[in-house]
């Protein structure tokens, strides 16, 4: 019984993966640095490719991640960390310098299509101070991308789409 129950998560993953491969346009993978025993970027990219992923999103944007991703053949999506949003919102120059230092080396790579600005900024009440900085930061980044000839790269913000409150039947009798 223990053996069968230990296989259940793997079986569910395979069923969901098979269903997704039939219905989804493509599968993407998120790669962050929070956690322990994470594979190095090149190994994570190999795993993503072997799982049928077509894209990988990074919560960070340093060359350690982006260089292997650019060579992987996968669509790669860099991310601007939440803590950079205030400076990017306040200064076109800061946005221009960030794009030049971070993305310009990959300008000619057709697999660089999107740039995520922050992570669930609008959905996280602890980041309320950044809510009004998000749009100016995205506008400054978009200007910087255009200035550097990277018009195809589109800035985006990720919204949390999970359930934020419990259903009444989970709260018990009211």
N, C-alpha and C. Protein backbone atom coordinates (compact mmCIF):
# COMPACT_ATOMS: atom_id res chain seq x y z
N UNK A 1 0.83 -1.20 0.00
CA UNK A 1 0.00 0.00 0.00
C UNK A 1 0.87 1.25 0.00
N UNK A 2 1.93 1.26 0.82
CA UNK A 2 2.81 2.42 0.87
C UNK A 2 3.48 2.66 -0.46
N UNK A 3 3.85 1.58 -1.15
CA UNK A 3 4.51 1.70 -2.46
C UNK A 3 3.55 2.32 -3.46
N UNK A 4 2.29 1.87 -3.46
CA UNK A 4 1.30 2.40 -4.40
C UNK A 4 1.03 3.87 -4.13
N UNK A 5 0.91 4.25 -2.86
CA UNK A 5 0.62 5.65 -2.56
C UNK A 5 1.81 6.54 -2.85
N UNK A 6 3.02 6.01 -2.80
CA UNK A 6 4.19 6.83 -3.11
C UNK A 6 4.31 7.08 -4.61
N UNK A 7 3.69 6.25 -5.42
CA UNK A 7 3.71 6.44 -6.87
C UNK A 7 2.62 7.39 -7.35
N UNK A 8 1.62 7.63 -6.53
CA UNK A 8 0.49 8.44 -6.94
C UNK A 8 0.87 9.82 -7.44
N UNK A 9 1.73 10.59 -6.74
CA UNK A 9 2.09 11.91 -7.27
C UNK A 9 2.74 11.83 -8.66
N UNK A 10 3.59 10.85 -8.87
CA UNK A 10 4.24 10.69 -10.17
C UNK A 10 3.21 10.35 -11.24
N UNK A 11 2.29 9.45 -10.92
CA UNK A 11 1.26 9.08 -11.88
C UNK A 11 0.37 10.27 -12.23
N UNK A 12 0.00 11.05 -11.22
CA UNK A 12 -0.81 12.23 -11.47
C UNK A 12 -0.07 13.23 -12.34
N UNK A 13 1.22 13.41 -12.07
CA UNK A 13 2.03 14.32 -12.87
C UNK A 13 2.07 13.87 -14.33
N UNK A 14 2.23 12.58 -14.56
CA UNK A 14 2.27 12.06 -15.93
C UNK A 14 0.94 12.25 -16.63
N UNK A 15 -0.17 12.01 -15.94
CA UNK A 15 -1.49 12.18 -16.54
C UNK A 15 -1.72 13.65 -16.87
N UNK A 16 -1.43 14.54 -15.93
CA UNK A 16 -1.61 15.97 -16.16
C UNK A 16 -0.69 16.44 -17.28
N UNK A 17 0.54 15.96 -17.27
CA UNK A 17 1.48 16.34 -18.32
C UNK A 17 1.02 15.88 -19.69
N UNK A 18 0.51 14.66 -19.78
CA UNK A 18 0.02 14.15 -21.06
C UNK A 18 -1.19 14.95 -21.53
N UNK A 19 -2.10 15.26 -20.61
CA UNK A 19 -3.26 16.06 -20.99
C UNK A 19 -2.85 17.45 -21.42
N UNK A 20 -1.91 18.04 -20.71
CA UNK A 20 -1.45 19.38 -21.05
C UNK A 20 -0.76 19.40 -22.40
N UNK A 21 -0.01 18.35 -22.72
CA UNK A 21 0.70 18.34 -24.00
C UNK A 21 -0.27 18.25 -25.16
N UNK A 22 -1.46 17.69 -24.93
CA UNK A 22 -2.45 17.59 -25.98
C UNK A 22 -3.24 18.88 -26.15
N UNK A 23 -3.42 19.64 -25.08
CA UNK A 23 -4.30 20.79 -25.15
C UNK A 23 -3.59 22.13 -25.10
N UNK A 24 -2.45 22.21 -24.48
CA UNK A 24 -1.77 23.49 -24.30
C UNK A 24 -0.92 23.83 -25.51
N UNK A 25 -0.76 25.12 -25.75
CA UNK A 25 0.11 25.57 -26.83
C UNK A 25 1.54 25.19 -26.51
N UNK A 26 1.96 25.47 -25.30
CA UNK A 26 3.27 25.00 -24.84
C UNK A 26 3.31 25.04 -23.33
N UNK A 27 4.24 24.26 -22.82
CA UNK A 27 4.44 24.16 -21.38
C UNK A 27 5.62 25.04 -21.00
N UNK A 28 5.48 25.76 -19.92
CA UNK A 28 6.57 26.59 -19.43
C UNK A 28 6.98 26.18 -18.03
N UNK A 29 8.18 26.57 -17.66
CA UNK A 29 8.73 26.24 -16.35
C UNK A 29 9.21 27.52 -15.69
N UNK A 30 8.97 27.66 -14.40
CA UNK A 30 9.50 28.77 -13.62
C UNK A 30 10.76 28.30 -12.90
N UNK A 31 11.79 29.14 -12.91
CA UNK A 31 13.05 28.79 -12.23
C UNK A 31 13.42 29.92 -11.29
N UNK A 32 13.42 29.62 -10.00
CA UNK A 32 13.80 30.61 -8.99
C UNK A 32 15.00 30.13 -8.21
N UNK A 33 15.41 30.93 -7.25
CA UNK A 33 16.58 30.57 -6.44
C UNK A 33 16.22 30.30 -5.00
N UNK A 34 14.95 30.37 -4.65
CA UNK A 34 14.55 30.08 -3.27
C UNK A 34 14.35 28.58 -3.13
N UNK A 35 15.06 28.00 -2.24
CA UNK A 35 14.98 26.56 -2.03
C UNK A 35 16.38 26.01 -1.81
N UNK A 36 16.42 24.76 -1.47
CA UNK A 36 17.73 24.14 -1.30
C UNK A 36 17.83 22.96 -2.27
N UNK A 37 19.03 22.59 -2.58
CA UNK A 37 19.31 21.48 -3.48
C UNK A 37 18.72 21.72 -4.87
N UNK A 38 18.77 22.97 -5.33
CA UNK A 38 18.28 23.28 -6.68
C UNK A 38 19.33 22.87 -7.70
N UNK A 39 18.89 22.39 -8.85
CA UNK A 39 19.87 22.07 -9.89
C UNK A 39 20.46 23.36 -10.46
N UNK A 40 21.68 23.29 -10.97
CA UNK A 40 22.25 24.48 -11.61
C UNK A 40 21.44 24.82 -12.86
N UNK A 41 21.52 26.07 -13.32
CA UNK A 41 20.69 26.48 -14.46
C UNK A 41 20.77 25.57 -15.68
N UNK A 42 21.98 25.14 -16.06
CA UNK A 42 22.09 24.30 -17.26
C UNK A 42 21.36 22.97 -17.07
N UNK A 43 21.40 22.41 -15.87
CA UNK A 43 20.71 21.15 -15.60
C UNK A 43 19.20 21.36 -15.56
N UNK A 44 18.77 22.46 -14.96
CA UNK A 44 17.33 22.77 -14.92
C UNK A 44 16.79 22.94 -16.34
N UNK A 45 17.57 23.56 -17.21
CA UNK A 45 17.14 23.73 -18.60
C UNK A 45 17.05 22.39 -19.32
N UNK A 46 17.99 21.49 -19.05
CA UNK A 46 17.93 20.14 -19.64
C UNK A 46 16.67 19.41 -19.17
N UNK A 47 16.37 19.52 -17.88
CA UNK A 47 15.18 18.88 -17.34
C UNK A 47 13.92 19.48 -17.96
N UNK A 48 13.88 20.79 -18.10
CA UNK A 48 12.72 21.45 -18.70
C UNK A 48 12.52 20.97 -20.13
N UNK A 49 13.59 20.92 -20.89
CA UNK A 49 13.51 20.48 -22.28
C UNK A 49 13.05 19.02 -22.36
N UNK A 50 13.59 18.17 -21.49
CA UNK A 50 13.20 16.75 -21.52
C UNK A 50 11.74 16.55 -21.11
N UNK A 51 11.19 17.48 -20.35
CA UNK A 51 9.79 17.41 -19.95
C UNK A 51 8.86 18.00 -21.01
N UNK A 52 9.44 18.51 -22.08
CA UNK A 52 8.62 19.07 -23.16
C UNK A 52 8.34 20.55 -23.02
N UNK A 53 9.02 21.22 -22.12
CA UNK A 53 8.79 22.66 -21.95
C UNK A 53 9.30 23.42 -23.16
N UNK A 54 8.62 24.49 -23.50
CA UNK A 54 9.04 25.35 -24.60
C UNK A 54 9.57 26.68 -24.09
N UNK A 55 9.34 26.97 -22.80
CA UNK A 55 9.74 28.27 -22.25
C UNK A 55 10.16 28.11 -20.80
N UNK A 56 11.02 29.01 -20.36
CA UNK A 56 11.44 29.04 -18.96
C UNK A 56 11.44 30.49 -18.49
N UNK A 57 10.85 30.69 -17.33
CA UNK A 57 10.80 32.03 -16.74
C UNK A 57 11.73 32.05 -15.54
N UNK A 58 12.52 33.12 -15.45
CA UNK A 58 13.44 33.29 -14.33
C UNK A 58 12.92 34.41 -13.44
N UNK A 59 13.02 34.21 -12.13
CA UNK A 59 12.63 35.26 -11.20
C UNK A 59 13.76 36.25 -10.99
N UNK A 60 14.86 36.00 -11.62
CA UNK A 60 16.04 36.84 -11.51
C UNK A 60 16.57 37.04 -12.93
N UNK A 61 17.52 37.90 -13.09
CA UNK A 61 18.02 38.19 -14.43
C UNK A 61 19.52 38.39 -14.45
N UNK A 62 20.24 37.41 -13.98
CA UNK A 62 21.69 37.56 -14.09
C UNK A 62 22.23 36.60 -15.15
N UNK A 63 23.44 36.85 -15.57
CA UNK A 63 24.04 36.08 -16.67
C UNK A 63 24.16 34.60 -16.35
N UNK A 64 24.27 34.26 -15.06
CA UNK A 64 24.34 32.85 -14.66
C UNK A 64 23.13 32.08 -15.17
N UNK A 65 21.98 32.73 -15.19
CA UNK A 65 20.75 32.10 -15.67
C UNK A 65 20.54 32.36 -17.16
N UNK A 66 20.72 33.61 -17.57
CA UNK A 66 20.32 33.99 -18.92
C UNK A 66 21.23 33.44 -20.01
N UNK A 67 22.51 33.34 -19.75
CA UNK A 67 23.42 32.83 -20.79
C UNK A 67 23.10 31.39 -21.18
N UNK A 68 22.95 30.46 -20.22
CA UNK A 68 22.57 29.11 -20.63
C UNK A 68 21.17 29.06 -21.26
N UNK A 69 20.26 29.89 -20.77
CA UNK A 69 18.91 29.90 -21.33
C UNK A 69 18.92 30.37 -22.78
N UNK A 70 19.73 31.37 -23.07
CA UNK A 70 19.80 31.90 -24.43
C UNK A 70 20.32 30.84 -25.40
N UNK A 71 21.16 29.95 -24.92
CA UNK A 71 21.73 28.91 -25.77
C UNK A 71 20.89 27.63 -25.79
N UNK A 72 19.83 27.58 -25.00
CA UNK A 72 19.08 26.34 -24.82
C UNK A 72 18.08 26.05 -25.93
N UNK A 73 17.69 27.05 -26.69
CA UNK A 73 16.64 26.86 -27.68
C UNK A 73 15.25 27.06 -27.12
N UNK A 74 15.14 27.29 -25.82
CA UNK A 74 13.85 27.56 -25.19
C UNK A 74 13.56 29.05 -25.22
N UNK A 75 12.28 29.42 -25.23
CA UNK A 75 11.92 30.82 -24.99
C UNK A 75 12.33 31.11 -23.56
N UNK A 76 13.03 32.20 -23.33
CA UNK A 76 13.45 32.52 -21.97
C UNK A 76 12.91 33.88 -21.58
N UNK A 77 12.42 33.95 -20.35
CA UNK A 77 11.73 35.13 -19.85
C UNK A 77 12.43 35.60 -18.58
N UNK A 78 13.24 36.65 -18.69
CA UNK A 78 13.89 37.20 -17.49
C UNK A 78 12.87 37.90 -16.60
N UNK A 79 13.25 38.09 -15.35
CA UNK A 79 12.40 38.80 -14.42
C UNK A 79 13.14 39.92 -13.73
N UNK A 80 12.41 41.00 -13.49
CA UNK A 80 12.94 42.12 -12.71
C UNK A 80 12.51 41.88 -11.26
N UNK A 81 13.44 41.75 -10.33
CA UNK A 81 13.06 41.53 -8.93
C UNK A 81 12.24 42.70 -8.37
N UNK A 82 11.34 42.40 -7.46
CA UNK A 82 10.47 43.42 -6.86
C UNK A 82 11.25 44.60 -6.30
N UNK A 83 12.41 44.32 -5.70
CA UNK A 83 13.16 45.40 -5.05
C UNK A 83 13.74 46.42 -6.03
N UNK A 84 13.79 46.10 -7.32
CA UNK A 84 14.29 47.06 -8.31
C UNK A 84 13.19 47.98 -8.86
N UNK A 85 11.95 47.65 -8.61
CA UNK A 85 10.84 48.43 -9.17
C UNK A 85 10.90 49.90 -8.79
N UNK A 86 11.16 50.28 -7.53
CA UNK A 86 11.19 51.72 -7.20
C UNK A 86 12.21 52.51 -8.01
N UNK A 87 13.41 51.99 -8.16
CA UNK A 87 14.43 52.75 -8.91
C UNK A 87 14.11 52.79 -10.39
N UNK A 88 13.55 51.72 -10.94
CA UNK A 88 13.20 51.71 -12.36
C UNK A 88 12.01 52.63 -12.63
N UNK A 89 11.12 52.78 -11.66
CA UNK A 89 9.98 53.69 -11.81
C UNK A 89 10.42 55.14 -11.73
N UNK A 90 11.40 55.41 -10.90
CA UNK A 90 11.82 56.79 -10.65
C UNK A 90 12.73 57.35 -11.73
N UNK A 91 13.37 56.48 -12.51
CA UNK A 91 14.41 56.98 -13.40
C UNK A 91 14.45 56.22 -14.73
N UNK A 92 14.27 56.99 -15.81
CA UNK A 92 14.45 56.39 -17.14
C UNK A 92 15.88 55.90 -17.31
N UNK A 93 16.80 56.65 -16.74
CA UNK A 93 18.21 56.27 -16.86
C UNK A 93 18.48 54.93 -16.18
N UNK A 94 17.88 54.72 -15.00
CA UNK A 94 18.06 53.45 -14.30
C UNK A 94 17.52 52.29 -15.14
N UNK A 95 16.36 52.50 -15.77
CA UNK A 95 15.79 51.46 -16.63
C UNK A 95 16.69 51.21 -17.84
N UNK A 96 17.19 52.28 -18.43
CA UNK A 96 18.08 52.15 -19.58
C UNK A 96 19.35 51.39 -19.21
N UNK A 97 19.92 51.72 -18.06
CA UNK A 97 21.14 51.04 -17.62
C UNK A 97 20.88 49.57 -17.30
N UNK A 98 19.72 49.28 -16.71
CA UNK A 98 19.39 47.90 -16.40
C UNK A 98 19.23 47.08 -17.68
N UNK A 99 18.50 47.62 -18.65
CA UNK A 99 18.32 46.91 -19.92
C UNK A 99 19.67 46.70 -20.61
N UNK A 100 20.50 47.75 -20.63
CA UNK A 100 21.81 47.65 -21.30
C UNK A 100 22.68 46.59 -20.63
N UNK A 101 22.70 46.56 -19.31
CA UNK A 101 23.56 45.63 -18.59
C UNK A 101 23.02 44.20 -18.59
N UNK A 102 21.71 44.06 -18.58
CA UNK A 102 21.11 42.75 -18.37
C UNK A 102 20.64 42.07 -19.65
N UNK A 103 19.97 42.82 -20.51
CA UNK A 103 19.33 42.20 -21.68
C UNK A 103 20.04 42.45 -23.00
N UNK A 104 20.78 43.53 -23.09
CA UNK A 104 21.42 43.88 -24.36
C UNK A 104 22.29 42.76 -24.93
N UNK A 105 23.02 42.00 -24.11
CA UNK A 105 23.81 40.91 -24.69
C UNK A 105 22.96 39.86 -25.43
N UNK A 106 21.67 39.83 -25.16
CA UNK A 106 20.77 38.85 -25.77
C UNK A 106 19.84 39.48 -26.81
N UNK A 107 20.14 40.69 -27.21
CA UNK A 107 19.27 41.47 -28.10
C UNK A 107 18.91 40.71 -29.37
N UNK A 108 19.83 40.01 -29.95
CA UNK A 108 19.59 39.34 -31.23
C UNK A 108 18.95 37.95 -31.08
N UNK A 109 18.79 37.50 -29.86
CA UNK A 109 18.20 36.19 -29.63
C UNK A 109 16.68 36.27 -29.79
N UNK A 110 16.15 35.58 -30.76
CA UNK A 110 14.71 35.63 -31.06
C UNK A 110 13.87 34.93 -29.98
N UNK A 111 14.52 34.20 -29.09
CA UNK A 111 13.80 33.49 -28.03
C UNK A 111 13.52 34.37 -26.82
N UNK A 112 14.08 35.56 -26.79
CA UNK A 112 13.79 36.52 -25.73
C UNK A 112 12.61 37.36 -26.19
N UNK A 113 11.43 37.11 -25.59
CA UNK A 113 10.20 37.76 -26.05
C UNK A 113 9.48 38.56 -24.97
N UNK A 114 9.69 38.20 -23.73
CA UNK A 114 8.95 38.82 -22.64
C UNK A 114 9.90 39.19 -21.51
N UNK A 115 9.46 40.12 -20.70
CA UNK A 115 10.18 40.53 -19.51
C UNK A 115 9.14 40.69 -18.40
N UNK A 116 9.25 39.89 -17.36
CA UNK A 116 8.33 40.04 -16.23
C UNK A 116 8.89 41.07 -15.27
N UNK A 117 8.04 42.02 -14.91
CA UNK A 117 8.43 43.09 -14.00
C UNK A 117 7.80 42.78 -12.65
N UNK A 118 8.63 42.36 -11.72
CA UNK A 118 8.14 42.01 -10.39
C UNK A 118 7.50 40.63 -10.37
N UNK A 119 7.13 40.23 -9.19
CA UNK A 119 6.48 38.94 -9.00
C UNK A 119 5.27 39.13 -8.11
N UNK A 120 4.09 39.06 -8.70
CA UNK A 120 2.83 39.19 -7.98
C UNK A 120 2.75 40.47 -7.16
N UNK A 121 3.25 41.55 -7.71
CA UNK A 121 3.27 42.83 -7.00
C UNK A 121 1.86 43.29 -6.65
N UNK A 122 0.94 43.21 -7.59
CA UNK A 122 -0.42 43.71 -7.35
C UNK A 122 -1.25 42.79 -6.47
N UNK A 123 -0.80 41.58 -6.28
CA UNK A 123 -1.55 40.60 -5.50
C UNK A 123 -1.05 40.47 -4.07
N UNK A 124 0.06 41.07 -3.77
CA UNK A 124 0.69 40.90 -2.46
C UNK A 124 0.50 42.16 -1.62
N UNK A 125 -0.31 42.09 -0.55
CA UNK A 125 -0.55 43.29 0.26
C UNK A 125 0.70 43.84 0.93
N UNK A 126 1.75 43.04 1.06
CA UNK A 126 2.98 43.54 1.68
C UNK A 126 3.78 44.42 0.74
N UNK A 127 3.40 44.45 -0.54
CA UNK A 127 4.13 45.29 -1.51
C UNK A 127 3.28 46.47 -1.97
N UNK A 128 2.33 46.89 -1.14
CA UNK A 128 1.45 48.00 -1.53
C UNK A 128 2.22 49.25 -1.93
N UNK A 129 3.35 49.49 -1.31
CA UNK A 129 4.13 50.69 -1.65
C UNK A 129 4.63 50.63 -3.09
N UNK A 130 4.69 49.44 -3.67
CA UNK A 130 5.18 49.31 -5.05
C UNK A 130 4.05 49.30 -6.08
N UNK A 131 2.82 49.23 -5.63
CA UNK A 131 1.71 49.14 -6.57
C UNK A 131 1.71 50.31 -7.55
N UNK A 132 1.93 51.50 -7.04
CA UNK A 132 1.86 52.68 -7.90
C UNK A 132 3.17 52.93 -8.64
N UNK A 133 4.17 52.15 -8.35
CA UNK A 133 5.45 52.26 -9.06
C UNK A 133 5.54 51.27 -10.22
N UNK A 134 4.66 50.30 -10.25
CA UNK A 134 4.75 49.24 -11.25
C UNK A 134 4.58 49.76 -12.67
N UNK A 135 3.54 50.54 -12.93
CA UNK A 135 3.29 51.03 -14.29
C UNK A 135 4.40 51.97 -14.75
N UNK A 136 4.85 52.93 -13.94
CA UNK A 136 5.98 53.75 -14.38
C UNK A 136 7.25 52.93 -14.65
N UNK A 137 7.51 51.92 -13.84
CA UNK A 137 8.68 51.06 -14.07
C UNK A 137 8.54 50.33 -15.40
N UNK A 138 7.36 49.81 -15.68
CA UNK A 138 7.14 49.11 -16.94
C UNK A 138 7.27 50.06 -18.12
N UNK A 139 6.76 51.27 -17.98
CA UNK A 139 6.87 52.26 -19.06
C UNK A 139 8.33 52.62 -19.32
N UNK A 140 9.09 52.83 -18.26
CA UNK A 140 10.52 53.15 -18.42
C UNK A 140 11.28 51.98 -19.04
N UNK A 141 10.95 50.77 -18.65
CA UNK A 141 11.60 49.60 -19.24
C UNK A 141 11.23 49.45 -20.71
N UNK A 142 9.97 49.70 -21.03
CA UNK A 142 9.56 49.60 -22.44
C UNK A 142 10.29 50.63 -23.30
N UNK A 143 10.42 51.85 -22.79
CA UNK A 143 11.20 52.87 -23.52
C UNK A 143 12.65 52.43 -23.71
N UNK A 144 13.23 51.88 -22.66
CA UNK A 144 14.63 51.43 -22.74
C UNK A 144 14.77 50.28 -23.73
N UNK A 145 13.83 49.37 -23.73
CA UNK A 145 13.87 48.25 -24.68
C UNK A 145 13.80 48.78 -26.12
N UNK A 146 12.89 49.71 -26.37
CA UNK A 146 12.79 50.31 -27.72
C UNK A 146 14.07 51.03 -28.09
N UNK A 147 14.61 51.77 -27.15
CA UNK A 147 15.84 52.54 -27.40
C UNK A 147 17.00 51.63 -27.81
N UNK A 148 17.02 50.43 -27.27
CA UNK A 148 18.08 49.48 -27.58
C UNK A 148 17.71 48.51 -28.71
N UNK A 149 16.64 48.82 -29.43
CA UNK A 149 16.25 48.00 -30.57
C UNK A 149 15.65 46.66 -30.20
N UNK A 150 15.01 46.60 -29.04
CA UNK A 150 14.43 45.34 -28.57
C UNK A 150 12.91 45.45 -28.50
N UNK A 151 12.30 45.90 -29.58
CA UNK A 151 10.85 46.14 -29.61
C UNK A 151 10.02 44.87 -29.41
N UNK A 152 10.55 43.73 -29.79
CA UNK A 152 9.76 42.50 -29.68
C UNK A 152 9.65 42.01 -28.22
N UNK A 153 10.50 42.53 -27.32
CA UNK A 153 10.45 42.13 -25.91
C UNK A 153 9.39 42.97 -25.21
N UNK A 154 8.39 42.30 -24.66
CA UNK A 154 7.26 42.99 -24.04
C UNK A 154 7.28 42.83 -22.52
N UNK A 155 7.25 43.96 -21.80
CA UNK A 155 7.18 43.88 -20.33
C UNK A 155 5.79 43.42 -19.87
N UNK A 156 5.75 42.60 -18.85
CA UNK A 156 4.51 42.09 -18.27
C UNK A 156 4.64 42.07 -16.76
N UNK A 157 3.48 41.95 -16.09
CA UNK A 157 3.44 41.75 -14.64
C UNK A 157 2.62 40.51 -14.38
N UNK A 158 3.07 39.71 -13.45
CA UNK A 158 2.36 38.48 -13.13
C UNK A 158 1.33 38.77 -12.04
N UNK A 159 0.12 38.32 -12.28
CA UNK A 159 -0.94 38.44 -11.28
C UNK A 159 -1.19 37.08 -10.65
N UNK A 160 -1.41 37.09 -9.37
CA UNK A 160 -1.76 35.86 -8.66
C UNK A 160 -3.19 35.52 -9.03
N UNK A 161 -3.40 34.30 -9.49
CA UNK A 161 -4.75 33.92 -9.91
C UNK A 161 -5.34 32.83 -9.03
N UNK A 162 -4.71 32.56 -7.91
CA UNK A 162 -5.22 31.56 -6.99
C UNK A 162 -6.36 32.12 -6.15
N UNK A 163 -6.96 31.25 -5.40
CA UNK A 163 -8.05 31.66 -4.54
C UNK A 163 -7.47 32.34 -3.31
N UNK A 164 -7.96 33.52 -2.99
CA UNK A 164 -7.39 34.27 -1.88
C UNK A 164 -8.18 34.11 -0.59
N UNK A 165 -9.33 33.50 -0.64
CA UNK A 165 -10.08 33.27 0.59
C UNK A 165 -10.70 31.88 0.55
N UNK A 166 -11.07 31.40 1.68
CA UNK A 166 -11.67 30.06 1.76
C UNK A 166 -13.14 30.13 1.39
N UNK A 167 -13.60 29.03 0.84
CA UNK A 167 -15.02 28.92 0.55
C UNK A 167 -15.77 28.74 1.87
N UNK A 168 -17.03 29.16 1.93
CA UNK A 168 -17.78 29.03 3.19
C UNK A 168 -17.81 27.60 3.73
N UNK A 169 -17.91 26.59 2.86
CA UNK A 169 -17.99 25.23 3.38
C UNK A 169 -16.68 24.78 4.03
N UNK A 170 -15.59 25.48 3.78
CA UNK A 170 -14.33 25.13 4.42
C UNK A 170 -14.18 25.85 5.76
N UNK A 171 -15.01 26.83 6.01
CA UNK A 171 -14.93 27.57 7.26
C UNK A 171 -15.74 26.90 8.37
N UNK A 172 -16.57 25.95 7.99
CA UNK A 172 -17.41 25.31 8.98
C UNK A 172 -18.74 26.03 9.08
N UNK A 173 -19.54 25.64 10.03
CA UNK A 173 -20.86 26.26 10.19
C UNK A 173 -20.70 27.70 10.63
N UNK A 174 -21.48 28.56 10.03
CA UNK A 174 -21.40 29.98 10.39
C UNK A 174 -22.62 30.41 11.14
